[in-house]
């Protein structure tokens, strides 16, 4: 994700546009995804929620793993660079 995308995600969580009780941004080593954790989640409906997560990625962007740490820090206003 880019700095601009992370800024939008930060603002969306802060404003409640993205519900913190329903969504988690998951980071892995090489990638990431949106994971729905809301009260109506069930394993039987996992495919439906996977599709919702895909839609969140299309709307807000999807993490590129640990390399996004610099972009995320910059979005939060922290000067950062990769070593």
Protein backbone atom coordinates (compact mmCIF):
# COMPACT_ATOMS: atom_id res chain seq x y z
CA UNK A 1 0.00 0.00 0.00
CA UNK A 2 1.10 3.57 -0.52
CA UNK A 3 1.42 6.35 2.02
CA UNK A 4 -1.78 7.88 0.64
CA UNK A 5 -3.66 4.59 1.03
CA UNK A 6 -2.47 4.19 4.62
CA UNK A 7 -3.49 7.77 5.40
CA UNK A 8 -6.96 6.99 4.07
CA UNK A 9 -7.14 3.79 6.14
CA UNK A 10 -6.00 5.63 9.28
CA UNK A 11 -8.63 8.32 8.71
CA UNK A 12 -11.32 5.72 7.96
CA UNK A 13 -10.62 3.84 11.20
CA UNK A 14 -10.48 7.10 13.19
CA UNK A 15 -13.77 8.38 11.77
CA UNK A 16 -15.59 5.07 12.13
CA UNK A 17 -15.96 4.64 8.37
CA UNK A 18 -14.19 1.33 8.98
CA UNK A 19 -15.54 -0.32 12.12
CA UNK A 20 -12.68 -1.42 14.42
CA UNK A 21 -14.94 -4.09 15.89
CA UNK A 22 -15.45 -5.66 12.46
CA UNK A 23 -12.20 -5.32 10.52
CA UNK A 24 -8.55 -6.22 11.11
CA UNK A 25 -5.72 -5.37 8.73
CA UNK A 26 -3.57 -8.50 8.71
CA UNK A 27 0.17 -8.28 7.95
CA UNK A 28 2.31 -11.23 6.89
CA UNK A 29 5.93 -11.37 5.80
CA UNK A 30 5.23 -10.90 2.09
CA UNK A 31 1.60 -9.83 1.91
CA UNK A 32 -1.49 -9.06 3.91
CA UNK A 33 -5.24 -8.88 3.75
CA UNK A 34 -8.41 -7.52 5.31
CA UNK A 35 -10.04 -9.92 7.72
CA UNK A 36 -13.62 -9.56 8.87
CA UNK A 37 -14.03 -10.26 12.60
CA UNK A 38 -17.50 -8.86 13.18
CA UNK A 39 -20.18 -10.36 15.40
CA UNK A 40 -21.93 -12.12 12.50
CA UNK A 41 -18.80 -14.00 11.40
CA UNK A 42 -19.10 -17.77 11.23
CA UNK A 43 -16.82 -20.34 9.63
CA UNK A 44 -19.74 -21.51 7.51
CA UNK A 45 -19.86 -18.03 5.94
CA UNK A 46 -16.09 -17.75 5.54
CA UNK A 47 -16.25 -17.48 1.72
CA UNK A 48 -18.70 -14.59 1.96
CA UNK A 49 -16.45 -12.76 4.41
CA UNK A 50 -13.39 -13.50 2.27
CA UNK A 51 -15.16 -11.73 -0.59
CA UNK A 52 -15.91 -8.77 1.70
CA UNK A 53 -12.20 -8.66 2.58
CA UNK A 54 -11.31 -8.64 -1.10
CA UNK A 55 -13.67 -5.69 -1.60
CA UNK A 56 -11.98 -3.83 1.27
CA UNK A 57 -8.63 -4.43 -0.44
CA UNK A 58 -9.97 -3.01 -3.68
CA UNK A 59 -11.34 0.05 -1.89
CA UNK A 60 -8.49 0.81 0.53
CA UNK A 61 -5.50 -1.24 -0.69
CA UNK A 62 -3.84 -4.41 0.57
CA UNK A 63 -0.64 -4.58 2.65
CA UNK A 64 2.56 -5.76 1.00
CA UNK A 65 3.93 -7.40 4.12
CA UNK A 66 6.72 -6.12 6.31
CA UNK A 67 8.04 -3.80 3.60
CA UNK A 68 4.97 -1.64 4.27
CA UNK A 69 6.32 -0.64 7.68
CA UNK A 70 8.02 2.39 6.17
CA UNK A 71 4.88 3.45 4.27
CA UNK A 72 2.75 2.99 7.38
CA UNK A 73 5.16 5.02 9.52
CA UNK A 74 5.20 7.82 6.94
CA UNK A 75 1.40 7.81 6.82
CA UNK A 76 1.41 8.29 10.60
CA UNK A 77 3.74 11.29 10.21
CA UNK A 78 6.91 9.50 11.28
CA UNK A 79 9.99 10.11 9.11
CA UNK A 80 11.12 6.64 8.09
CA UNK A 81 13.33 4.78 5.64
CA UNK A 82 14.37 1.18 5.04
CA UNK A 83 17.92 0.11 5.88
